[in-house]
């Protein structure tokens, strides 16, 4: 087998290549967009065929190369179904197995906490822990639906129960360390070794880390597999035209699931509520969509950065105040409404049909 650990110096990100030289199947884990040419050259060097790009989560510190690798090589992109990455070919679930080569398997272990959709990947005796477990540390839990208690649980109950000799390959390292092991992290990791759940939560609550430099750019882009706005529509169309591989959750399925947990109103009701007043109108589309046309008095807060910027929106300071959300057709607003409910907002509505439905009433 071919195994390569690659490093991006700008973001301290590790990318992993696993390949079977006999079948020529190859898999990338957490590729970075600025290294696309390096990846293609590496594949050509070994005469490999890229089958999958697997993401351990929607990254906040770099932009993935997954979408570009799909465009140029036809590889399937895979992201957790909890990440909201609508353009991904495969919506990963806990326990999924990715098969490649001659009987090789990569198993998915859900490890939420750094983000809701964080996963780790197990291949043979090697664990690719993403941002869930680092060498001598772990990922932060203060954004993207992070949960310190959930992270403690999944590390101690799922990762630390793997065999002692399991090698740990993290998503990042800031001290030029390359690999660890389960026994080393279980016994020496300063945030976890000998720490109770409450102690760990206290540690994570007091890290006081600065906001990732690229978060406002990276998270929205990574929800579209790293593609820019001009490439996204083509990517979604290509995905929908491709036979699914264990795609148990399509975008339509995810929207339908979200709508089961929120309150949706039609345009007529939305207009009535706005006329009555005392309600915040929230536009969760991208900035270019908003600039092209929007409902009067709407507050812009793109879905891709909602979790990170919501605290800075004065109109949303009161979590009991009514909020009416809209997007283009009603999908993103459903996701946004569900997210706001998880953040403690008690009176959130999504406008069915979105801005397109609104415009039709003006004709």
Protein backbone atom coordinates (compact mmCIF):
# COMPACT_ATOMS: atom_id res chain seq x y z
CA UNK A 1 0.00 0.00 0.00
CA UNK A 2 0.97 3.61 -0.55
CA UNK A 3 0.62 6.01 2.37
CA UNK A 4 1.65 9.67 2.35
CA UNK A 5 1.31 12.33 5.06
CA UNK A 6 1.37 15.78 3.46
CA UNK A 7 1.64 19.14 5.22
CA UNK A 8 0.37 22.64 4.45
CA UNK A 9 2.64 25.17 6.18
CA UNK A 10 0.19 28.06 5.86
CA UNK A 11 -2.54 26.41 7.93
CA UNK A 12 -0.61 23.61 9.67
CA UNK A 13 -2.96 21.13 8.03
CA UNK A 14 -2.18 17.48 7.40
CA UNK A 15 -3.54 15.77 4.29
CA UNK A 16 -3.35 12.01 3.84
CA UNK A 17 -3.10 9.86 0.73
CA UNK A 18 -3.92 6.15 0.93
CA UNK A 19 -3.66 4.07 -2.24
CA UNK A 20 -3.56 0.50 -3.48
CA UNK A 21 -0.81 0.20 -6.13
CA UNK A 22 -2.38 -2.99 -7.52
CA UNK A 23 -5.87 -1.67 -8.24
CA UNK A 24 -4.66 1.96 -8.53
CA UNK A 25 -7.48 3.18 -6.25
CA UNK A 26 -6.57 6.20 -4.13
CA UNK A 27 -8.20 8.23 -1.34
CA UNK A 28 -7.36 11.70 -0.05
CA UNK A 29 -8.30 12.79 3.47
CA UNK A 30 -8.65 16.54 4.09
CA UNK A 31 -6.98 17.91 0.93
CA UNK A 32 -6.17 21.66 0.77
CA UNK A 33 -7.08 23.65 -2.33
CA UNK A 34 -3.73 25.41 -2.68
CA UNK A 35 -2.02 22.04 -3.23
CA UNK A 36 -4.27 20.79 -6.04
CA UNK A 37 -1.40 20.60 -8.55
CA UNK A 38 0.80 18.77 -6.04
CA UNK A 39 -1.92 16.18 -5.48
CA UNK A 40 -2.44 15.58 -9.18
CA UNK A 41 1.31 15.24 -9.72
CA UNK A 42 1.50 12.72 -6.88
CA UNK A 43 -1.31 10.66 -8.34
CA UNK A 44 0.34 10.72 -11.75
CA UNK A 45 3.68 9.71 -10.24
CA UNK A 46 2.20 6.48 -8.91
CA UNK A 47 -0.31 6.06 -11.76
CA UNK A 48 -3.24 6.23 -9.35
CA UNK A 49 -6.96 6.81 -9.85
CA UNK A 50 -8.55 9.00 -7.17
CA UNK A 51 -11.77 7.42 -5.92
CA UNK A 52 -12.73 9.55 -2.90
CA UNK A 53 -11.89 12.74 -1.06
CA UNK A 54 -12.98 12.41 2.56
CA UNK A 55 -13.45 15.39 4.88
CA UNK A 56 -13.25 15.02 8.65
CA UNK A 57 -15.49 18.12 8.97
CA UNK A 58 -16.25 21.47 7.36
CA UNK A 59 -12.98 23.27 8.02
CA UNK A 60 -12.69 26.83 9.32
CA UNK A 61 -8.96 27.33 8.71
CA UNK A 62 -8.47 26.27 5.09
CA UNK A 63 -10.45 25.59 1.94
CA UNK A 64 -10.73 21.99 0.79
CA UNK A 65 -9.57 20.76 -2.61
CA UNK A 66 -12.39 18.20 -2.74
CA UNK A 67 -14.51 20.05 -5.28
CA UNK A 68 -11.56 20.79 -7.53
CA UNK A 69 -10.43 17.16 -7.43
CA UNK A 70 -13.92 16.12 -8.44
CA UNK A 71 -13.96 18.57 -11.34
CA UNK A 72 -10.54 17.56 -12.62
CA UNK A 73 -10.41 13.84 -11.77
CA UNK A 74 -13.99 12.71 -11.17
CA UNK A 75 -13.42 11.71 -7.53
CA UNK A 76 -16.43 11.58 -5.23
CA UNK A 77 -16.54 14.05 -2.33
CA UNK A 78 -17.72 12.89 1.08
CA UNK A 79 -18.69 15.01 4.11
CA UNK A 80 -20.77 14.25 7.21
CA UNK A 81 -24.51 14.69 6.70
CA UNK A 82 -24.47 16.97 9.77
CA UNK A 83 -22.15 19.50 8.14
CA UNK A 84 -24.61 21.06 5.68
CA UNK A 85 -22.26 20.46 2.73
CA UNK A 86 -24.98 20.33 0.11
CA UNK A 87 -22.69 19.82 -2.89
CA UNK A 88 -20.98 16.70 -1.52
CA UNK A 89 -21.61 13.44 -3.39
CA UNK A 90 -21.79 11.38 -0.21
CA UNK A 91 -23.42 12.44 3.04
CA UNK A 92 -21.43 10.43 5.57
CA UNK A 93 -23.05 8.66 8.52
CA UNK A 94 -21.49 7.06 11.57
CA UNK A 95 -20.38 3.51 10.79
CA UNK A 96 -20.15 4.01 7.03
CA UNK A 97 -17.40 2.06 5.33
CA UNK A 98 -15.53 3.28 2.26
CA UNK A 99 -14.15 0.39 0.24
CA UNK A 100 -11.30 0.76 -2.23
CA UNK A 101 -8.52 -1.30 -3.72
CA UNK A 102 -8.32 -5.00 -2.97
CA UNK A 103 -10.49 -5.30 0.12
CA UNK A 104 -9.28 -2.11 1.80
CA UNK A 105 -11.77 -0.33 4.08
CA UNK A 106 -11.94 3.02 5.83
CA UNK A 107 -14.47 3.09 8.67
CA UNK A 108 -16.27 6.25 9.82
CA UNK A 109 -16.39 7.02 13.56
CA UNK A 110 -18.60 9.98 14.45
CA UNK A 111 -16.69 12.25 16.84
CA UNK A 112 -18.81 15.39 17.30
CA UNK A 113 -17.66 18.16 19.58
CA UNK A 114 -15.25 20.29 17.57
CA UNK A 115 -18.19 20.66 15.18
CA UNK A 116 -21.52 18.82 15.04
CA UNK A 117 -20.41 16.94 11.95
CA UNK A 118 -16.85 16.03 12.93
CA UNK A 119 -15.76 12.47 12.17
CA UNK A 120 -12.63 10.35 12.52
CA UNK A 121 -11.57 7.72 10.01
CA UNK A 122 -10.04 4.33 10.81
CA UNK A 123 -7.94 2.46 8.26
CA UNK A 124 -6.17 -0.69 9.42
CA UNK A 125 -4.27 0.40 12.56
CA UNK A 126 -4.33 4.10 11.70
CA UNK A 127 -6.79 6.65 13.01
CA UNK A 128 -7.22 9.92 11.14
CA UNK A 129 -8.69 12.02 13.92
CA UNK A 130 -9.22 15.31 12.09
CA UNK A 131 -9.68 18.15 14.59
CA UNK A 132 -11.24 15.92 17.24
CA UNK A 133 -8.01 14.61 18.75
CA UNK A 134 -4.61 16.23 18.33
CA UNK A 135 -1.19 15.18 19.57
CA UNK A 136 -1.25 16.50 23.12
CA UNK A 137 -4.50 18.38 22.59
CA UNK A 138 -7.84 18.49 20.79
CA UNK A 139 -9.90 20.77 18.59
CA UNK A 140 -11.58 23.86 20.02
CA UNK A 141 -15.32 23.72 20.77
CA UNK A 142 -16.39 27.36 20.71
CA UNK A 143 -17.92 27.63 17.22
CA UNK A 144 -19.73 25.64 14.49
CA UNK A 145 -22.02 23.94 17.00
CA UNK A 146 -19.08 22.84 19.15
CA UNK A 147 -19.77 20.98 22.38
CA UNK A 148 -16.98 20.25 24.87
CA UNK A 149 -18.98 17.56 26.67
CA UNK A 150 -19.72 15.75 23.43
CA UNK A 151 -16.06 15.91 22.43
CA UNK A 152 -14.96 14.45 25.77
CA UNK A 153 -17.49 11.64 25.43
CA UNK A 154 -16.53 10.63 21.92
CA UNK A 155 -12.79 10.75 22.60
CA UNK A 156 -12.92 8.82 25.85
CA UNK A 157 -15.66 6.37 24.87
CA UNK A 158 -14.92 5.81 21.19
CA UNK A 159 -11.33 6.73 20.34
CA UNK A 160 -9.60 5.83 23.59
CA UNK A 161 -11.23 2.38 23.49
CA UNK A 162 -9.36 1.52 20.28
CA UNK A 163 -6.29 -0.76 20.67
CA UNK A 164 -3.37 0.92 22.44
CA UNK A 165 -1.10 0.56 19.43
CA UNK A 166 -3.50 2.35 17.06
CA UNK A 167 -1.59 5.18 15.40
CA UNK A 168 -3.13 8.65 15.61
CA UNK A 169 -2.71 10.96 12.63
CA UNK A 170 -4.28 14.37 13.43
CA UNK A 171 -5.72 17.01 11.16
CA UNK A 172 -3.22 19.61 12.38
CA UNK A 173 -0.13 19.98 14.50
CA UNK A 174 1.50 23.27 15.42
CA UNK A 175 4.76 21.88 16.83
CA UNK A 176 5.99 19.78 13.88
CA UNK A 177 4.85 16.47 15.34
CA UNK A 178 3.61 13.90 12.87
CA UNK A 179 2.07 10.90 14.62
CA UNK A 180 1.02 9.65 18.02
CA UNK A 181 -0.82 6.60 19.37
CA UNK A 182 -3.95 5.90 21.36
CA UNK A 183 -2.04 4.83 24.47
CA UNK A 184 0.12 7.95 24.33
CA UNK A 185 -2.88 10.29 24.08
CA UNK A 186 -4.90 8.41 26.66
CA UNK A 187 -2.08 8.60 29.21
CA UNK A 188 -0.31 11.89 28.45
CA UNK A 189 -2.69 14.27 26.62
CA UNK A 190 -2.78 17.25 29.03
CA UNK A 191 -6.39 18.13 28.26
CA UNK A 192 -7.71 14.60 28.70
CA UNK A 193 -5.41 12.31 30.68
CA UNK A 194 -6.79 11.94 34.20
CA UNK A 195 -9.37 14.66 33.61
CA UNK A 196 -13.05 14.32 34.47
CA UNK A 197 -15.70 15.44 32.03
CA UNK A 198 -16.38 18.59 34.07
CA UNK A 199 -12.68 19.42 34.25
CA UNK A 200 -12.35 19.03 30.48
CA UNK A 201 -15.36 21.29 29.88
CA UNK A 202 -13.80 23.91 32.18
CA UNK A 203 -10.48 23.73 30.31
CA UNK A 204 -12.18 24.16 26.93
CA UNK A 205 -14.30 27.07 28.19
CA UNK A 206 -11.18 29.02 29.14
CA UNK A 207 -8.94 28.61 26.09
CA UNK A 208 -9.71 32.14 24.84
CA UNK A 209 -8.42 31.41 21.35
CA UNK A 210 -8.57 33.99 18.53
CA UNK A 211 -11.02 33.47 15.69
CA UNK A 212 -9.50 31.45 12.81
CA UNK A 213 -8.15 33.90 10.23
CA UNK A 214 -9.96 32.33 7.25
CA UNK A 215 -13.20 31.27 8.95
CA UNK A 216 -15.51 33.71 7.14
CA UNK A 217 -14.17 32.55 3.78
CA UNK A 218 -13.45 28.89 4.49
CA UNK A 219 -16.68 27.66 6.08
CA UNK A 220 -19.08 28.87 3.33
CA UNK A 221 -16.70 27.60 0.65
CA UNK A 222 -16.26 24.22 2.31
CA UNK A 223 -20.01 23.71 2.46
CA UNK A 224 -19.68 23.64 -1.33
CA UNK A 225 -16.60 21.39 -1.27
CA UNK A 226 -14.26 24.35 -1.69
CA UNK A 227 -15.73 25.69 -4.92
CA UNK A 228 -16.26 29.40 -5.53
CA UNK A 229 -19.68 30.88 -6.29
CA UNK A 230 -19.27 30.54 -10.06
CA UNK A 231 -18.47 26.83 -9.79
CA UNK A 232 -21.12 25.77 -7.27
CA UNK A 233 -24.18 25.46 -9.51
CA UNK A 234 -22.29 23.26 -11.95
CA UNK A 235 -21.01 21.13 -9.08
CA UNK A 236 -24.50 20.52 -7.69
CA UNK A 237 -25.81 19.65 -11.16
CA UNK A 238 -22.92 17.23 -11.69
CA UNK A 239 -23.52 15.64 -8.32
CA UNK A 240 -27.20 15.11 -9.00
CA UNK A 241 -26.41 13.54 -12.39
CA UNK A 242 -23.99 11.05 -10.82
CA UNK A 243 -25.26 7.70 -9.48
CA UNK A 244 -25.03 7.90 -5.67
CA UNK A 245 -22.70 5.76 -3.58
CA UNK A 246 -24.51 4.96 -0.36
CA UNK A 247 -26.00 8.45 -0.47
CA UNK A 248 -28.62 7.82 2.17
CA UNK A 249 -29.29 11.54 2.55
CA UNK A 250 -29.73 13.68 -0.56
CA UNK A 251 -30.00 17.46 -0.25
CA UNK A 252 -33.76 17.15 -0.61
CA UNK A 253 -33.82 14.57 2.19
CA UNK A 254 -31.82 16.86 4.47
CA UNK A 255 -34.14 19.82 3.78
CA UNK A 256 -37.20 17.65 4.41
CA UNK A 257 -35.68 16.43 7.67
CA UNK A 258 -34.93 19.98 8.80
CA UNK A 259 -38.47 21.11 8.00
CA UNK A 260 -39.86 18.49 10.36
CA UNK A 261 -38.28 20.36 13.25
CA UNK A 262 -39.16 23.96 12.39
CA UNK A 263 -42.21 26.13 11.69
CA UNK A 264 -42.69 27.17 8.07
CA UNK A 265 -45.06 29.90 6.87
CA UNK A 266 -46.18 30.88 3.37
CA UNK A 267 -45.52 34.30 1.82
CA UNK A 268 -49.00 35.61 2.63
CA UNK A 269 -48.54 34.84 6.32
CA UNK A 270 -45.02 36.24 6.22
CA UNK A 271 -46.28 39.56 4.83
CA UNK A 272 -48.94 39.74 7.52
CA UNK A 273 -46.38 39.17 10.26
CA UNK A 274 -44.09 41.84 8.83
CA UNK A 275 -46.97 44.32 8.63
CA UNK A 276 -47.82 43.66 12.28
CA UNK A 277 -44.20 44.39 13.20
CA UNK A 278 -42.02 43.30 16.14
CA UNK A 279 -40.31 40.62 14.07
CA UNK A 280 -36.77 40.40 12.66
CA UNK A 281 -36.54 39.58 8.95
CA UNK A 282 -33.37 37.59 8.25
CA UNK A 283 -31.90 36.94 4.79
CA UNK A 284 -29.51 33.95 4.90
CA UNK A 285 -28.42 34.04 1.26
CA UNK A 286 -24.94 35.03 0.08
CA UNK A 287 -23.93 38.68 -0.21
CA UNK A 288 -24.14 38.70 -4.02
CA UNK A 289 -27.69 37.31 -3.91
CA UNK A 290 -28.71 39.97 -1.40
CA UNK A 291 -27.16 42.72 -3.51
CA UNK A 292 -29.12 41.53 -6.56
CA UNK A 293 -32.42 41.98 -4.72
CA UNK A 294 -33.89 41.48 -1.26
CA UNK A 295 -36.95 42.09 0.86
CA UNK A 296 -37.03 45.57 2.37
CA UNK A 297 -35.51 45.86 5.87
CA UNK A 298 -34.04 42.37 5.76
CA UNK A 299 -30.92 41.78 7.85
CA UNK A 300 -28.22 39.90 5.91
CA UNK A 301 -26.59 36.96 7.72
CA UNK A 302 -25.42 34.26 5.26
CA UNK A 303 -26.16 30.70 6.31
CA UNK A 304 -22.51 29.72 5.98
CA UNK A 305 -21.40 32.04 8.77
CA UNK A 306 -24.58 32.22 10.85
CA UNK A 307 -23.18 30.39 13.89
CA UNK A 308 -20.11 32.61 13.99
CA UNK A 309 -21.60 36.06 13.38
CA UNK A 310 -25.01 35.80 15.01
CA UNK A 311 -23.74 37.14 18.33
CA UNK A 312 -22.71 40.36 16.58
CA UNK A 313 -26.14 41.10 15.10
CA UNK A 314 -27.94 43.57 17.43
CA UNK A 315 -31.36 42.69 16.04
CA UNK A 316 -30.88 39.09 17.24
CA UNK A 317 -29.74 39.88 20.78
CA UNK A 318 -33.12 38.91 22.24
CA UNK A 319 -33.57 35.18 21.67
CA UNK A 320 -37.27 35.35 22.49
CA UNK A 321 -38.07 37.85 19.73
CA UNK A 322 -39.77 36.49 16.60
CA UNK A 323 -37.46 35.88 13.63
CA UNK A 324 -38.59 35.25 10.05
CA UNK A 325 -35.91 33.70 7.84
CA UNK A 326 -35.81 33.45 4.06
CA UNK A 327 -33.36 32.31 1.38
CA UNK A 328 -33.80 31.72 -2.34
CA UNK A 329 -36.26 28.81 -2.26
CA UNK A 330 -36.62 27.78 1.39
CA UNK A 331 -33.89 25.16 1.87
CA UNK A 332 -31.15 27.20 3.51
CA UNK A 333 -33.70 29.03 5.64
CA UNK A 334 -34.93 25.69 7.00
CA UNK A 335 -31.37 24.75 7.98
CA UNK A 336 -30.84 28.22 9.48
CA UNK A 337 -34.07 28.01 11.47
CA UNK A 338 -33.07 24.65 12.90
CA UNK A 339 -29.63 26.00 13.82
CA UNK A 340 -31.12 29.04 15.56
CA UNK A 341 -33.39 26.80 17.58
CA UNK A 342 -30.35 24.83 18.71
CA UNK A 343 -28.74 28.14 19.70
CA UNK A 344 -31.70 28.93 21.97
CA UNK A 345 -33.99 31.07 19.81
CA UNK A 346 -37.57 30.28 20.75
CA UNK A 347 -39.69 31.89 18.02
CA UNK A 348 -38.13 31.16 14.62
CA UNK A 349 -40.02 30.87 11.33
CA UNK A 350 -38.90 29.92 7.82
CA UNK A 351 -40.58 31.39 4.74
CA UNK A 352 -41.67 28.64 2.33
CA UNK A 353 -40.53 29.20 -1.23
CA UNK A 354 -38.08 31.90 -0.20
CA UNK A 355 -37.33 35.05 -2.19
CA UNK A 356 -38.50 33.46 -5.42
CA UNK A 357 -41.98 32.93 -3.94
CA UNK A 358 -41.95 36.47 -2.57
CA UNK A 359 -41.14 37.96 -5.96
CA UNK A 360 -44.00 36.07 -7.63
CA UNK A 361 -46.48 37.89 -5.38
CA UNK A 362 -45.18 41.23 -6.68
CA UNK A 363 -45.97 40.47 -10.33
